[in-house]
Amino acid sequence: MLHFSKITTKSKDFHLIASGALAFKVHNKILKDEDFMKGAKVSRNLLPNNAAIKSDKSEARVFFVIISDLDKMDASSLCNMIAKERAKGSYAVCQVIPMYYNEPSFKALKMLRQNFDEVIELNKLTLGGGKALMSTEQQHCIITDYSISMARIMRNVCVKEHAPAKEKEEKKGQIVYA
């Protein structure tokens, strides 16, 4: 199942998609973060892996996809949907938290790299001296913090970069005297 959330702020939509158990936990923590709740409307949906996200608009949108359990997921339907959105000018970033390293996950990762603007692979994390963190809880905490920060950055860029044309025109029309 894909956990799909649309966060609307200042009439701009930021789309957050999660697939996998750990990805769903990160998805929920992102949605509980204060920065996403301020003046925002959140709509949540569950979609089967082969379902497409319906959109009436042909405008560019921003997608942040978090995937864990990569080898269990049907990546092709998600990649097809993202490819169609990118053809409309949308921007899509995928964060992969690999649970297994096997042939199906390598193939899925290759497909994701071909269809997303950016694919960030988070595997064994290291701190300072290069030692890998031993505790999976520590890794999950750092992955969650990183994901929340990444989602904040993407949402802020979405709201600022894709601001309505009226706001940009109004700013150009104001003359400032020094």
C-alpha atoms as a PDB file:
ATOM      1  CA  MET A   1       0.000   0.000   0.000  1.00  0.00           C
ATOM      2  CA  LEU A   2       1.050   3.543  -0.680  1.00  0.00           C
ATOM      3  CA  HIS A   3       0.308   6.098   2.022  1.00  0.00           C
ATOM      4  CA  PHE A   4      -0.426   9.304   0.145  1.00  0.00           C
ATOM      5  CA  SER A   5      -0.802  12.708   1.809  1.00  0.00           C
ATOM      6  CA  LYS A   6      -1.409  16.084   0.239  1.00  0.00           C
ATOM      7  CA  ILE A   7      -0.391  19.085   2.323  1.00  0.00           C
ATOM      8  CA  THR A   8      -1.907  22.324   1.044  1.00  0.00           C
ATOM      9  CA  THR A   9      -0.340  25.606   2.167  1.00  0.00           C
ATOM     10  CA  LYS A  10      -0.855  29.007   0.553  1.00  0.00           C
ATOM     11  CA  SER A  11      -2.853  27.267  -2.206  1.00  0.00           C
ATOM     12  CA  LYS A  12       0.163  25.119  -3.091  1.00  0.00           C
ATOM     13  CA  ASP A  13       0.210  21.334  -2.807  1.00  0.00           C
ATOM     14  CA  PHE A  14       3.076  19.273  -1.435  1.00  0.00           C
ATOM     15  CA  HIS A  15       2.663  15.521  -1.928  1.00  0.00           C
ATOM     16  CA  LEU A  16       4.130  13.025   0.515  1.00  0.00           C
ATOM     17  CA  ILE A  17       4.077   9.315  -0.368  1.00  0.00           C
ATOM     18  CA  ALA A  18       5.308   6.432   1.801  1.00  0.00           C
ATOM     19  CA  SER A  19       5.677   2.729   1.107  1.00  0.00           C
ATOM     20  CA  GLY A  20       6.816   0.229   3.725  1.00  0.00           C
ATOM     21  CA  ALA A  21       6.584  -0.020   7.516  1.00  0.00           C
ATOM     22  CA  LEU A  22       9.506   2.256   8.412  1.00  0.00           C
ATOM     23  CA  ALA A  23       8.540   4.720   5.677  1.00  0.00           C
ATOM     24  CA  PHE A  24       5.019   4.890   7.132  1.00  0.00           C
ATOM     25  CA  LYS A  25       6.412   5.685  10.600  1.00  0.00           C
ATOM     26  CA  VAL A  26       8.565   8.467   9.119  1.00  0.00           C
ATOM     27  CA  HIS A  27       5.560   9.717   7.101  1.00  0.00           C
ATOM     28  CA  ASN A  28       3.472  10.004  10.291  1.00  0.00           C
ATOM     29  CA  LYS A  29       6.252  11.858  12.143  1.00  0.00           C
ATOM     30  CA  ILE A  30       6.563  14.326   9.268  1.00  0.00           C
ATOM     31  CA  LEU A  31       2.829  15.008   9.368  1.00  0.00           C
ATOM     32  CA  LYS A  32       2.934  15.544  13.156  1.00  0.00           C
ATOM     33  CA  ASP A  33       5.731  18.123  12.835  1.00  0.00           C
ATOM     34  CA  GLU A  34       4.542  21.669  13.691  1.00  0.00           C
ATOM     35  CA  ASP A  35       5.978  23.172  10.503  1.00  0.00           C
ATOM     36  CA  PHE A  36       3.591  21.099   8.417  1.00  0.00           C
ATOM     37  CA  MET A  37       0.548  21.827  10.564  1.00  0.00           C
ATOM     38  CA  LYS A  38       0.765  25.653  10.547  1.00  0.00           C
ATOM     39  CA  GLY A  39      -1.930  26.976   8.241  1.00  0.00           C
ATOM     40  CA  ALA A  40      -2.024  23.755   6.253  1.00  0.00           C
ATOM     41  CA  LYS A  41      -4.763  21.405   5.215  1.00  0.00           C
ATOM     42  CA  VAL A  42      -3.740  17.735   5.130  1.00  0.00           C
ATOM     43  CA  SER A  43      -5.624  15.055   3.222  1.00  0.00           C
ATOM     44  CA  ARG A  44      -4.563  11.425   3.566  1.00  0.00           C
ATOM     45  CA  ASN A  45      -5.299   8.427   1.364  1.00  0.00           C
ATOM     46  CA  LEU A  46      -4.313   4.784   1.104  1.00  0.00           C
ATOM     47  CA  LEU A  47      -3.651   3.580  -2.415  1.00  0.00           C
ATOM     48  CA  PRO A  48      -2.915   0.088  -3.687  1.00  0.00           C
ATOM     49  CA  ASN A  49       0.570  -0.097  -5.228  1.00  0.00           C
ATOM     50  CA  ASN A  50      -0.857  -0.290  -8.741  1.00  0.00           C
ATOM     51  CA  ALA A  51      -3.240   2.686  -8.350  1.00  0.00           C
ATOM     52  CA  ALA A  52      -2.490   6.013  -9.941  1.00  0.00           C
ATOM     53  CA  ILE A  53      -3.003   9.369  -8.269  1.00  0.00           C
ATOM     54  CA  LYS A  54      -5.773  11.187 -10.072  1.00  0.00           C
ATOM     55  CA  SER A  55      -5.286  14.843 -10.827  1.00  0.00           C
ATOM     56  CA  ASP A  56      -7.548  17.255 -12.636  1.00  0.00           C
ATOM     57  CA  LYS A  57      -4.869  19.898 -12.946  1.00  0.00           C
ATOM     58  CA  SER A  58      -2.009  19.774 -15.413  1.00  0.00           C
ATOM     59  CA  GLU A  59       0.217  21.993 -13.292  1.00  0.00           C
ATOM     60  CA  ALA A  60       3.621  21.179 -11.848  1.00  0.00           C
ATOM     61  CA  ARG A  61       3.596  19.614  -8.390  1.00  0.00           C
ATOM     62  CA  VAL A  62       6.210  18.556  -5.837  1.00  0.00           C
ATOM     63  CA  PHE A  63       6.482  14.943  -4.617  1.00  0.00           C
ATOM     64  CA  PHE A  64       8.545  13.508  -1.769  1.00  0.00           C
ATOM     65  CA  VAL A  65       8.463   9.703  -1.719  1.00  0.00           C
ATOM     66  CA  ILE A  66       9.885   7.626   1.138  1.00  0.00           C
ATOM     67  CA  ILE A  67      10.340   3.908   0.503  1.00  0.00           C
ATOM     68  CA  SER A  68      11.407   1.128   2.837  1.00  0.00           C
ATOM     69  CA  ASP A  69      10.927  -2.585   2.098  1.00  0.00           C
ATOM     70  CA  LEU A  70      11.959  -1.864  -1.483  1.00  0.00           C
ATOM     71  CA  ASP A  71      11.989  -5.470  -2.663  1.00  0.00           C
ATOM     72  CA  LYS A  72       8.349  -6.019  -1.656  1.00  0.00           C
ATOM     73  CA  MET A  73       7.085  -2.968  -3.524  1.00  0.00           C
ATOM     74  CA  ASP A  74       5.827  -2.825  -7.085  1.00  0.00           C
ATOM     75  CA  ALA A  75       7.989   0.118  -8.124  1.00  0.00           C
ATOM     76  CA  SER A  76       6.860   0.148 -11.750  1.00  0.00           C
ATOM     77  CA  SER A  77       3.392   1.633 -11.111  1.00  0.00           C
ATOM     78  CA  LEU A  78       4.833   4.337  -8.856  1.00  0.00           C
ATOM     79  CA  CYS A  79       7.532   5.104 -11.432  1.00  0.00           C
ATOM     80  CA  ASN A  80       4.922   5.340 -14.232  1.00  0.00           C
ATOM     81  CA  MET A  81       2.873   7.807 -12.193  1.00  0.00           C
ATOM     82  CA  ILE A  82       5.944   9.913 -11.356  1.00  0.00           C
ATOM     83  CA  ALA A  83       7.088   9.861 -15.000  1.00  0.00           C
ATOM     84  CA  LYS A  84       3.700  11.256 -16.068  1.00  0.00           C
ATOM     85  CA  GLU A  85       3.876  13.945 -13.385  1.00  0.00           C
ATOM     86  CA  ARG A  86       7.437  14.891 -14.381  1.00  0.00           C
ATOM     87  CA  ALA A  87       6.253  15.283 -17.983  1.00  0.00           C
ATOM     88  CA  LYS A  88       3.941  18.038 -16.655  1.00  0.00           C
ATOM     89  CA  GLY A  89       6.930  19.781 -15.036  1.00  0.00           C
ATOM     90  CA  SER A  90       6.566  18.282 -11.567  1.00  0.00           C
ATOM     91  CA  TYR A  91       9.557  17.657  -9.314  1.00  0.00           C
ATOM     92  CA  ALA A  92       9.942  14.334  -7.524  1.00  0.00           C
ATOM     93  CA  VAL A  93      12.472  13.206  -4.919  1.00  0.00           C
ATOM     94  CA  CYS A  94      12.644   9.635  -3.651  1.00  0.00           C
ATOM     95  CA  GLN A  95      14.301   8.634  -0.385  1.00  0.00           C
ATOM     96  CA  VAL A  96      15.050   4.924  -0.124  1.00  0.00           C
ATOM     97  CA  ILE A  97      15.717   3.205   3.198  1.00  0.00           C
ATOM     98  CA  PRO A  98      16.968  -0.211   2.041  1.00  0.00           C
ATOM     99  CA  MET A  99      16.065  -3.117   4.290  1.00  0.00           C
ATOM    100  CA  TYR A 100      17.480  -5.834   2.052  1.00  0.00           C
ATOM    101  CA  TYR A 101      20.213  -5.989  -0.557  1.00  0.00           C
ATOM    102  CA  ASN A 102      19.083  -8.435  -3.222  1.00  0.00           C
ATOM    103  CA  GLU A 103      18.398  -8.592  -6.954  1.00  0.00           C
ATOM    104  CA  PRO A 104      14.768  -7.292  -6.848  1.00  0.00           C
ATOM    105  CA  SER A 105      15.774  -4.297  -4.706  1.00  0.00           C
ATOM    106  CA  PHE A 106      18.701  -3.432  -7.028  1.00  0.00           C
ATOM    107  CA  LYS A 107      16.363  -3.561 -10.043  1.00  0.00           C
ATOM    108  CA  ALA A 108      13.764  -1.419  -8.269  1.00  0.00           C
ATOM    109  CA  LEU A 109      16.443   1.106  -7.258  1.00  0.00           C
ATOM    110  CA  LYS A 110      17.637   1.343 -10.866  1.00  0.00           C
ATOM    111  CA  MET A 111      14.057   1.973 -12.026  1.00  0.00           C
ATOM    112  CA  LEU A 112      13.587   4.671  -9.375  1.00  0.00           C
ATOM    113  CA  ARG A 113      16.792   6.431 -10.469  1.00  0.00           C
ATOM    114  CA  GLN A 114      15.500   6.532 -14.047  1.00  0.00           C
ATOM    115  CA  ASN A 115      12.120   8.023 -13.138  1.00  0.00           C
ATOM    116  CA  PHE A 116      12.761  10.467 -10.261  1.00  0.00           C
ATOM    117  CA  ASP A 117      14.638  13.763 -10.301  1.00  0.00           C
ATOM    118  CA  GLU A 118      16.643  12.698  -7.239  1.00  0.00           C
ATOM    119  CA  VAL A 119      16.989   9.361  -5.463  1.00  0.00           C
ATOM    120  CA  ILE A 120      18.598   9.492  -2.030  1.00  0.00           C
ATOM    121  CA  GLU A 121      19.646   6.119  -0.649  1.00  0.00           C
ATOM    122  CA  LEU A 122      20.008   5.965   3.118  1.00  0.00           C
ATOM    123  CA  ASN A 123      21.870   2.886   4.205  1.00  0.00           C
ATOM    124  CA  LYS A 124      24.149   2.270   7.179  1.00  0.00           C
ATOM    125  CA  LEU A 125      24.712   5.652   8.737  1.00  0.00           C
ATOM    126  CA  THR A 126      27.997   6.738  10.212  1.00  0.00           C
ATOM    127  CA  LEU A 127      28.909   9.466  12.661  1.00  0.00           C
ATOM    128  CA  GLY A 128      32.184  11.286  13.177  1.00  0.00           C
ATOM    129  CA  GLY A 129      34.982   8.713  13.109  1.00  0.00           C
ATOM    130  CA  GLY A 130      33.363   6.542  10.472  1.00  0.00           C
ATOM    131  CA  LYS A 131      31.955   3.877  12.802  1.00  0.00           C
ATOM    132  CA  ALA A 132      28.579   2.599  11.700  1.00  0.00           C
ATOM    133  CA  LEU A 133      25.822   3.076  14.243  1.00  0.00           C
ATOM    134  CA  MET A 134      25.095  -0.257  15.858  1.00  0.00           C
ATOM    135  CA  SER A 135      21.598   0.238  17.186  1.00  0.00           C
ATOM    136  CA  THR A 136      18.789   0.150  14.650  1.00  0.00           C
ATOM    137  CA  GLU A 137      16.879   2.523  16.943  1.00  0.00           C
ATOM    138  CA  GLN A 138      19.676   5.099  16.605  1.00  0.00           C
ATOM    139  CA  GLN A 139      19.659   4.670  12.845  1.00  0.00           C
ATOM    140  CA  HIS A 140      15.882   5.063  12.690  1.00  0.00           C
ATOM    141  CA  CYS A 141      16.039   8.247  14.797  1.00  0.00           C
ATOM    142  CA  ILE A 142      18.652   9.787  12.512  1.00  0.00           C
ATOM    143  CA  ILE A 143      16.785   8.661   9.380  1.00  0.00           C
ATOM    144  CA  THR A 144      13.586  10.204  10.759  1.00  0.00           C
ATOM    145  CA  ASP A 145      15.305  13.509  11.614  1.00  0.00           C
ATOM    146  CA  TYR A 146      16.920  13.609   8.175  1.00  0.00           C
ATOM    147  CA  SER A 147      13.603  12.843   6.463  1.00  0.00           C
ATOM    148  CA  ILE A 148      11.729  15.530   8.395  1.00  0.00           C
ATOM    149  CA  SER A 149      14.423  18.097   7.523  1.00  0.00           C
ATOM    150  CA  MET A 150      14.340  17.074   3.855  1.00  0.00           C
ATOM    151  CA  ALA A 151      10.535  17.299   3.757  1.00  0.00           C
ATOM    152  CA  ARG A 152      10.635  20.779   5.375  1.00  0.00           C
ATOM    153  CA  ILE A 153      13.120  22.016   2.774  1.00  0.00           C
ATOM    154  CA  MET A 154      11.082  20.606  -0.096  1.00  0.00           C
ATOM    155  CA  ARG A 155       7.811  22.028   1.233  1.00  0.00           C
ATOM    156  CA  ASN A 156       9.335  25.472   1.735  1.00  0.00           C
ATOM    157  CA  VAL A 157      10.769  25.433  -1.784  1.00  0.00           C
ATOM    158  CA  CYS A 158       7.404  24.259  -3.105  1.00  0.00           C
ATOM    159  CA  VAL A 159       5.548  27.113  -1.419  1.00  0.00           C
ATOM    160  CA  LYS A 160       8.104  29.784  -2.417  1.00  0.00           C
ATOM    161  CA  GLU A 161       9.131  28.637  -5.907  1.00  0.00           C
ATOM    162  CA  HIS A 162       5.687  27.694  -7.086  1.00  0.00           C
ATOM    163  CA  ALA A 163       3.989  30.772  -5.631  1.00  0.00           C
ATOM    164  CA  PRO A 164       1.026  32.118  -7.587  1.00  0.00           C
ATOM    165  CA  ALA A 165       1.916  34.541 -10.388  1.00  0.00           C
ATOM    166  CA  LYS A 166      -0.140  37.357  -8.774  1.00  0.00           C
ATOM    167  CA  GLU A 167       2.154  37.520  -5.747  1.00  0.00           C
ATOM    168  CA  LYS A 168       5.233  37.752  -7.965  1.00  0.00           C
ATOM    169  CA  GLU A 169       3.666  40.478 -10.113  1.00  0.00           C
ATOM    170  CA  GLU A 170       2.659  42.498  -7.043  1.00  0.00           C
ATOM    171  CA  LYS A 171       6.222  42.411  -5.723  1.00  0.00           C
ATOM    172  CA  LYS A 172       7.587  43.635  -9.080  1.00  0.00           C
ATOM    173  CA  GLY A 173       5.140  46.553  -9.128  1.00  0.00           C
ATOM    174  CA  GLN A 174       6.289  47.982  -5.766  1.00  0.00           C
ATOM    175  CA  ILE A 175       8.938  50.667  -5.972  1.00  0.00           C
ATOM    176  CA  VAL A 176      11.292  51.024  -3.054  1.00  0.00           C
ATOM    177  CA  TYR A 177      13.189  54.269  -2.497  1.00  0.00           C
ATOM    178  CA  ALA A 178      16.404  54.197  -0.545  1.00  0.00           C
END
